[in-house]
Amino acid sequence: MSLSRRELALALAAVGLIAPGAALAQGAKASSAVELARTGETLKPGQWVWAPQIAPKGPVVVHVDLSRQLATVYRNGVRIAVSTVSSGKEGHETPTGVFTILQKDVDHRSSLYNSAPMPYQQRLTWDGVALHAGGLPGYPESHGCVHLPMGFAKLLFGITPMGGTVIVVGKAGDPPADMPSAAGVLGMPMNAGHDQGAEPPPYGEDNWRWAPEASPTGPVTIIASRSDSRAVVLRNGVEIGRAGVVFPDEDFQTHVLVCTVVEDGVPRWAYVGAPGHEDEADRPLDPELMAKTRMPDGFRKAVRTVIVPGTTILATQSPVLPDTTGKHLTVLSSGR
């Protein structure tokens, strides 16, 4: 027996996954980046704004700010949508970090909560954290997942690829978050299936390692830490390489960049205009800045073999070494 949209919404509300009324709320539309920004600042629980025409093509990055309880969608580095969310409540906090979409399922059901519906599920971790349509009371109330409005969850599901990038930052109740730190990234299962071994010393032509067989396929994220003079390459959330790197003296704040195209073997990068860096949206990276970054030639060549449109760079002042980042975040296994 099939259910109408309203019947499905009421059923979800009955099991507590969607607040009554919120599931049926309509999203706003915007005709320009300015209008989208203005609307995005005034959203109430359950509301969202969607303007895909601002950037019709290109790789998609989803940025979830737990402190604002907002999700922002970027395509080709340009903001195209904003939505309210509800993340994990106290004791079941949503983990932070840079994640890849591991599974997509329109009609997913919870294996922990009596097969409760989780519409338009996009899995971020294998132990249960996901984006999906769910309750939106205006504060964190999930068991770790990121709840989205039903209409927004459906639209987002339609434009994100398997292996797409999702960045989760901040902490509910704290001041609005800036871009993610490397310490947050270490909440990912970075070393699953790969023995990291001794940490390479700082920059030197022989001070690098490359093990693409640790994760043969999947989306690539490169973490560049100035404080540790390191670059770490992750594929599908698993480390496949790292090296000592010397960065130029130019400004090196925390930024996220996405590869928009690869021409004649040379990747072109554009900044993602994330919160705190809105003016950077879609701005190309100065090739001179990349050229001034010193790294082993073998490592540079190896990294280029795995860069494709959609590959992400997280550039940060924060450390990535175990002795400077402290205890790794434990990803929760309950409440999905």
Protein backbone atom coordinates (compact mmCIF):
# COMPACT_ATOMS: atom_id res chain seq x y z
CA MET A 1 0.00 0.00 0.00
CA SER A 2 1.45 3.36 -1.00
CA LEU A 3 1.07 6.48 1.17
CA SER A 4 0.40 10.03 0.04
CA ARG A 5 2.93 12.71 0.93
CA ARG A 6 0.68 13.99 3.73
CA GLU A 7 0.05 10.47 5.09
CA LEU A 8 3.77 9.79 5.10
CA ALA A 9 4.43 13.06 6.94
CA LEU A 10 1.82 12.27 9.57
CA ALA A 11 3.24 8.76 10.02
CA LEU A 12 6.70 10.20 10.54
CA ALA A 13 5.37 12.71 13.04
CA ALA A 14 3.68 9.87 14.92
CA VAL A 15 7.01 8.11 15.49
CA GLY A 16 8.71 11.38 16.42
CA LEU A 17 10.90 11.69 13.36
CA ILE A 18 9.25 14.86 12.08
CA ALA A 19 7.56 17.57 14.10
CA PRO A 20 3.90 17.99 13.08
CA GLY A 21 3.64 20.69 10.42
CA ALA A 22 7.38 20.95 9.79
CA ALA A 23 7.38 18.13 7.26
CA LEU A 24 4.79 19.90 5.15
CA ALA A 25 6.51 23.30 5.20
CA GLN A 26 7.41 24.65 1.77
CA GLY A 27 10.88 25.86 0.96
CA ALA A 28 11.49 29.37 -0.29
CA LYS A 29 13.03 30.13 -3.66
CA ALA A 30 15.62 32.79 -4.40
CA SER A 31 16.55 34.36 -7.72
CA SER A 32 19.98 35.67 -6.76
CA ALA A 33 22.86 35.05 -4.37
CA VAL A 34 21.93 38.21 -2.46
CA GLU A 35 18.31 37.13 -2.03
CA LEU A 36 19.40 33.64 -0.97
CA ALA A 37 21.77 35.09 1.65
CA ARG A 38 19.06 37.39 3.02
CA THR A 39 16.47 34.60 3.21
CA GLY A 40 18.99 32.17 4.70
CA GLU A 41 19.55 34.47 7.67
CA THR A 42 15.87 34.52 8.69
CA LEU A 43 14.90 30.85 8.48
CA LYS A 44 12.72 29.41 11.23
CA PRO A 45 12.72 25.71 12.27
CA GLY A 46 11.63 23.54 9.36
CA GLN A 47 12.25 26.23 6.74
CA TRP A 48 14.73 26.22 3.86
CA VAL A 49 15.65 28.12 0.72
CA TRP A 50 16.72 26.56 -2.58
CA ALA A 51 18.30 28.39 -5.56
CA PRO A 52 20.12 25.86 -7.78
CA GLN A 53 20.13 28.19 -10.79
CA ILE A 54 22.80 30.34 -9.10
CA ALA A 55 25.35 27.61 -9.92
CA PRO A 56 23.71 25.08 -12.28
CA LYS A 57 26.70 22.75 -12.61
CA GLY A 58 29.73 21.57 -10.69
CA PRO A 59 30.72 19.49 -7.65
CA VAL A 60 28.53 19.72 -4.55
CA VAL A 61 29.74 20.26 -0.97
CA VAL A 62 27.38 20.23 2.04
CA HIS A 63 28.40 22.28 5.10
CA VAL A 64 26.55 21.62 8.39
CA ASP A 65 27.05 24.14 11.21
CA LEU A 66 25.87 22.58 14.46
CA SER A 67 26.13 25.89 16.34
CA ARG A 68 23.70 27.56 13.92
CA GLN A 69 21.69 24.37 13.28
CA LEU A 70 21.96 25.15 9.58
CA ALA A 71 23.03 23.20 6.51
CA THR A 72 24.44 25.11 3.54
CA VAL A 73 24.88 23.58 0.08
CA TYR A 74 27.59 24.76 -2.32
CA ARG A 75 27.90 23.87 -5.97
CA ASN A 76 31.11 24.74 -7.74
CA GLY A 77 32.02 26.72 -4.62
CA VAL A 78 28.86 28.86 -4.74
CA ARG A 79 26.09 28.74 -2.12
CA ILE A 80 22.85 27.47 -3.67
CA ALA A 81 20.74 26.41 -0.66
CA VAL A 82 20.34 26.82 3.10
CA SER A 83 18.20 24.77 5.48
CA THR A 84 17.51 24.50 9.18
CA VAL A 85 18.50 21.18 10.73
CA SER A 86 18.26 19.30 14.00
CA SER A 87 21.41 17.48 15.11
CA GLY A 88 22.24 15.13 17.96
CA LYS A 89 21.02 16.02 21.43
CA GLU A 90 23.20 15.98 24.57
CA GLY A 91 24.75 12.56 25.03
CA HIS A 92 24.24 11.75 21.34
CA GLU A 93 26.12 14.65 19.73
CA THR A 94 26.62 14.60 15.98
CA PRO A 95 30.32 14.01 15.24
CA THR A 96 32.25 16.74 13.45
CA GLY A 97 34.69 16.34 10.57
CA VAL A 98 34.90 15.96 6.82
CA PHE A 99 32.81 12.99 5.70
CA THR A 100 31.95 11.30 2.43
CA ILE A 101 28.52 9.99 1.47
CA LEU A 102 28.82 6.23 1.85
CA GLN A 103 25.25 5.18 1.01
CA LYS A 104 22.08 6.72 -0.41
CA ASP A 105 18.65 5.22 0.25
CA VAL A 106 15.32 6.91 -0.49
CA ASP A 107 13.29 4.61 1.77
CA HIS A 108 15.79 3.70 4.49
CA ARG A 109 14.53 2.39 7.83
CA SER A 110 16.30 2.39 11.17
CA SER A 111 17.81 -0.89 12.33
CA LEU A 112 17.75 0.36 15.94
CA TYR A 113 14.34 1.99 16.36
CA ASN A 114 11.60 -0.38 15.24
CA SER A 115 12.26 0.21 11.54
CA ALA A 116 11.39 3.89 11.89
CA PRO A 117 11.43 5.64 8.48
CA MET A 118 14.52 7.68 7.57
CA PRO A 119 13.53 9.18 4.18
CA TYR A 120 16.24 10.29 1.75
CA GLN A 121 19.01 8.91 3.92
CA GLN A 122 22.62 9.76 3.05
CA ARG A 123 24.99 7.79 5.26
CA LEU A 124 28.11 9.50 6.62
CA THR A 125 29.49 6.72 8.85
CA TRP A 126 28.97 2.98 8.89
CA ASP A 127 27.96 3.07 12.54
CA GLY A 128 24.88 5.12 11.85
CA VAL A 129 25.39 8.87 11.34
CA ALA A 130 23.45 10.17 8.33
CA LEU A 131 21.61 13.07 6.75
CA HIS A 132 17.87 12.36 6.38
CA ALA A 133 14.41 13.88 6.69
CA GLY A 134 13.42 14.11 10.34
CA GLY A 135 12.09 16.15 13.24
CA LEU A 136 12.85 19.89 13.32
CA PRO A 137 11.78 21.36 16.67
CA GLY A 138 14.31 24.20 16.54
CA TYR A 139 16.97 22.58 18.71
CA PRO A 140 19.12 19.40 18.67
CA GLU A 141 16.88 16.39 19.29
CA SER A 142 18.22 13.50 17.20
CA HIS A 143 20.31 10.56 18.34
CA GLY A 144 23.26 11.71 16.24
CA CYS A 145 21.94 12.10 12.70
CA VAL A 146 21.34 15.43 10.97
CA HIS A 147 17.60 15.89 10.44
CA LEU A 148 16.47 17.89 7.39
CA PRO A 149 13.06 19.13 6.17
CA MET A 150 11.40 16.56 3.93
CA GLY A 151 11.37 18.71 0.78
CA PHE A 152 14.95 19.85 1.26
CA ALA A 153 16.13 16.29 1.96
CA LYS A 154 14.56 15.15 -1.31
CA LEU A 155 16.15 17.93 -3.37
CA LEU A 156 19.55 17.46 -1.74
CA PHE A 157 19.36 13.72 -2.36
CA GLY A 158 18.88 14.46 -6.03
CA ILE A 159 22.07 16.51 -6.51
CA THR A 160 24.62 14.80 -4.25
CA PRO A 161 26.74 11.97 -5.67
CA MET A 162 27.87 8.85 -3.88
CA GLY A 163 31.15 9.81 -2.25
CA GLY A 164 30.18 13.49 -2.07
CA THR A 165 31.72 15.71 0.61
CA VAL A 166 29.86 16.69 3.80
CA ILE A 167 31.59 18.99 6.31
CA VAL A 168 30.21 19.08 9.87
CA VAL A 169 31.53 21.75 12.24
CA GLY A 170 30.74 23.48 15.52
CA LYS A 171 28.88 22.48 18.66
CA ALA A 172 25.24 23.06 19.50
CA GLY A 173 24.90 26.00 21.89
CA ASP A 174 28.31 27.48 21.04
CA PRO A 175 28.91 30.66 19.01
CA PRO A 176 28.65 30.16 15.24
CA ALA A 177 31.46 28.00 13.86
CA ASP A 178 34.02 29.00 11.27
CA MET A 179 35.47 26.42 8.93
CA PRO A 180 36.45 22.97 10.29
CA SER A 181 39.73 22.40 12.08
CA ALA A 182 42.04 19.51 11.44
CA ALA A 183 41.23 18.20 14.89
CA GLY A 184 37.61 17.86 13.75
CA VAL A 185 38.72 16.06 10.63
CA LEU A 186 40.51 13.51 12.79
CA GLY A 187 37.08 12.40 13.93
CA MET A 188 36.95 10.53 10.62
CA PRO A 189 38.06 6.89 10.42
CA MET A 190 41.23 8.15 8.75
CA ASN A 191 43.42 5.13 9.29
CA ALA A 192 40.92 2.34 8.85
CA GLY A 193 42.60 -0.48 6.97
CA HIS A 194 45.94 1.31 6.88
CA ASP A 195 48.79 1.13 9.36
CA GLN A 196 50.00 4.69 9.62
CA GLY A 197 53.42 3.74 11.03
CA ALA A 198 56.03 6.25 12.08
CA GLU A 199 55.28 9.86 11.26
CA PRO A 200 57.48 11.22 8.44
CA PRO A 201 59.83 14.01 9.51
CA PRO A 202 59.31 17.51 8.07
CA TYR A 203 59.74 18.34 4.42
CA GLY A 204 62.34 16.44 2.43
CA GLU A 205 62.33 14.77 -0.97
CA ASP A 206 62.32 11.33 0.64
CA ASN A 207 59.92 12.16 3.47
CA TRP A 208 56.62 10.96 2.10
CA ARG A 209 54.59 7.81 1.70
CA TRP A 210 51.91 6.70 -0.73
CA ALA A 211 49.62 3.67 -0.38
CA PRO A 212 46.66 4.04 -2.78
CA GLU A 213 45.84 0.35 -2.34
CA ALA A 214 44.62 1.17 1.19
CA SER A 215 41.51 2.64 -0.44
CA PRO A 216 41.42 1.97 -4.20
CA THR A 217 38.36 4.05 -5.04
CA GLY A 218 36.25 6.88 -3.73
CA PRO A 219 36.29 10.67 -3.28
CA VAL A 220 39.54 12.37 -2.27
CA THR A 221 40.10 14.96 0.46
CA ILE A 222 43.47 16.62 1.02
CA ILE A 223 44.19 18.13 4.45
CA ALA A 224 46.98 20.72 4.51
CA SER A 225 48.18 21.77 7.98
CA ARG A 226 50.58 24.68 8.21
CA SER A 227 51.26 24.25 11.93
CA ASP A 228 52.49 20.68 11.38
CA SER A 229 53.93 21.26 7.87
CA ARG A 230 52.04 18.20 6.64
CA ALA A 231 49.67 17.22 3.87
CA VAL A 232 47.45 14.17 4.39
CA VAL A 233 45.49 12.56 1.54
CA LEU A 234 42.27 10.66 2.30
CA ARG A 235 40.29 8.58 -0.17
CA ASN A 236 36.84 7.49 0.95
CA GLY A 237 37.85 8.56 4.46
CA VAL A 238 40.96 6.33 4.54
CA GLU A 239 44.48 7.73 4.55
CA ILE A 240 46.41 6.84 1.38
CA GLY A 241 49.35 9.20 1.70
CA ARG A 242 51.10 11.99 3.56
CA ALA A 243 54.21 14.11 3.28
CA GLY A 244 56.16 16.92 4.84
CA VAL A 245 55.25 20.20 3.13
CA VAL A 246 56.53 23.78 3.29
CA PHE A 247 53.80 26.35 2.70
CA PRO A 248 54.32 29.90 1.36
CA ASP A 249 54.23 32.91 3.67
CA GLU A 250 50.99 34.23 2.20
CA ASP A 251 47.78 34.27 4.23
CA PHE A 252 46.93 30.75 5.34
CA GLN A 253 43.65 30.87 7.17
CA THR A 254 41.28 27.92 7.22
CA HIS A 255 39.68 27.42 3.81
CA VAL A 256 37.92 24.75 1.80
CA LEU A 257 38.58 24.47 -1.93
CA VAL A 258 37.06 22.19 -4.53
CA CYS A 259 38.53 21.00 -7.83
CA THR A 260 36.28 22.31 -10.58
CA VAL A 261 38.08 20.89 -13.62
CA VAL A 262 41.27 19.10 -14.64
CA GLU A 263 42.78 20.45 -17.87
CA ASP A 264 45.84 18.82 -19.45
CA GLY A 265 46.56 17.11 -16.16
CA VAL A 266 46.44 20.37 -14.18
CA PRO A 267 43.62 20.75 -11.60
CA ARG A 268 41.86 24.08 -11.20
CA TRP A 269 40.66 24.97 -7.70
CA ALA A 270 37.89 27.30 -6.50
CA TYR A 271 37.22 28.46 -2.95
CA VAL A 272 34.00 27.40 -1.23
CA GLY A 273 32.27 30.51 0.17
CA ALA A 274 31.58 28.95 3.55
CA PRO A 275 30.49 30.90 6.66
CA GLY A 276 33.09 33.53 7.47
CA HIS A 277 34.46 33.37 3.90
CA GLU A 278 31.38 34.24 1.82
CA ASP A 279 33.31 36.73 -0.30
CA GLU A 280 35.53 33.92 -1.61
CA ALA A 281 32.73 31.97 -3.29
CA ASP A 282 33.80 30.58 -6.66
CA ARG A 283 37.06 32.60 -6.59
CA PRO A 284 39.83 30.64 -8.30
CA LEU A 285 42.95 29.71 -6.39
CA ASP A 286 46.01 31.63 -7.52
CA PRO A 287 48.18 29.02 -9.32
CA GLU A 288 51.25 30.81 -7.96
CA LEU A 289 50.21 29.98 -4.41
CA MET A 290 50.06 26.27 -5.23
CA ALA A 291 53.35 26.46 -7.11
CA LYS A 292 55.07 28.03 -4.08
CA THR A 293 54.06 25.12 -1.85
CA ARG A 294 57.10 22.87 -1.55
CA MET A 295 56.57 19.12 -1.33
CA PRO A 296 58.44 16.04 -2.57
CA ASP A 297 58.18 15.78 -6.36
CA GLY A 298 57.16 12.13 -6.15
CA PHE A 299 54.36 12.97 -3.72
CA ARG A 300 53.09 15.85 -5.89
CA LYS A 301 52.96 13.59 -8.94
CA ALA A 302 51.23 10.82 -6.99
CA VAL A 303 48.57 13.17 -5.63
CA ARG A 304 47.79 14.48 -9.11
CA THR A 305 46.86 10.97 -10.21
CA VAL A 306 43.90 10.89 -7.78
CA ILE A 307 42.59 14.46 -8.21
CA VAL A 308 39.32 14.70 -10.15
CA PRO A 309 36.54 17.31 -10.25
CA GLY A 310 34.96 17.31 -6.79
CA THR A 311 38.20 16.59 -4.92
CA THR A 312 38.36 18.78 -1.79
CA ILE A 313 41.23 20.57 -0.05
CA LEU A 314 40.96 21.60 3.61
CA ALA A 315 43.70 24.17 4.32
CA THR A 316 44.13 24.91 8.00
CA GLN A 317 46.48 26.30 10.62
CA SER A 318 45.34 23.51 12.95
CA PRO A 319 47.52 20.45 13.60
CA VAL A 320 47.00 16.95 12.24
CA LEU A 321 49.65 14.98 14.11
CA PRO A 322 48.44 12.66 16.91
CA ASP A 323 50.64 14.31 19.53
CA THR A 324 49.20 17.76 18.78
CA THR A 325 45.55 17.04 18.17
CA GLY A 326 44.84 15.10 21.33
CA LYS A 327 42.31 12.32 21.70
CA HIS A 328 40.44 11.29 18.54
CA LEU A 329 36.70 11.77 18.49
CA THR A 330 34.65 8.62 18.99
CA VAL A 331 31.81 8.42 16.50
CA LEU A 332 28.57 7.39 18.18
CA SER A 333 27.00 4.09 17.22
CA SER A 334 23.49 4.66 18.52
CA GLY A 335 20.35 6.55 17.76
CA ARG A 336 19.91 6.35 14.01
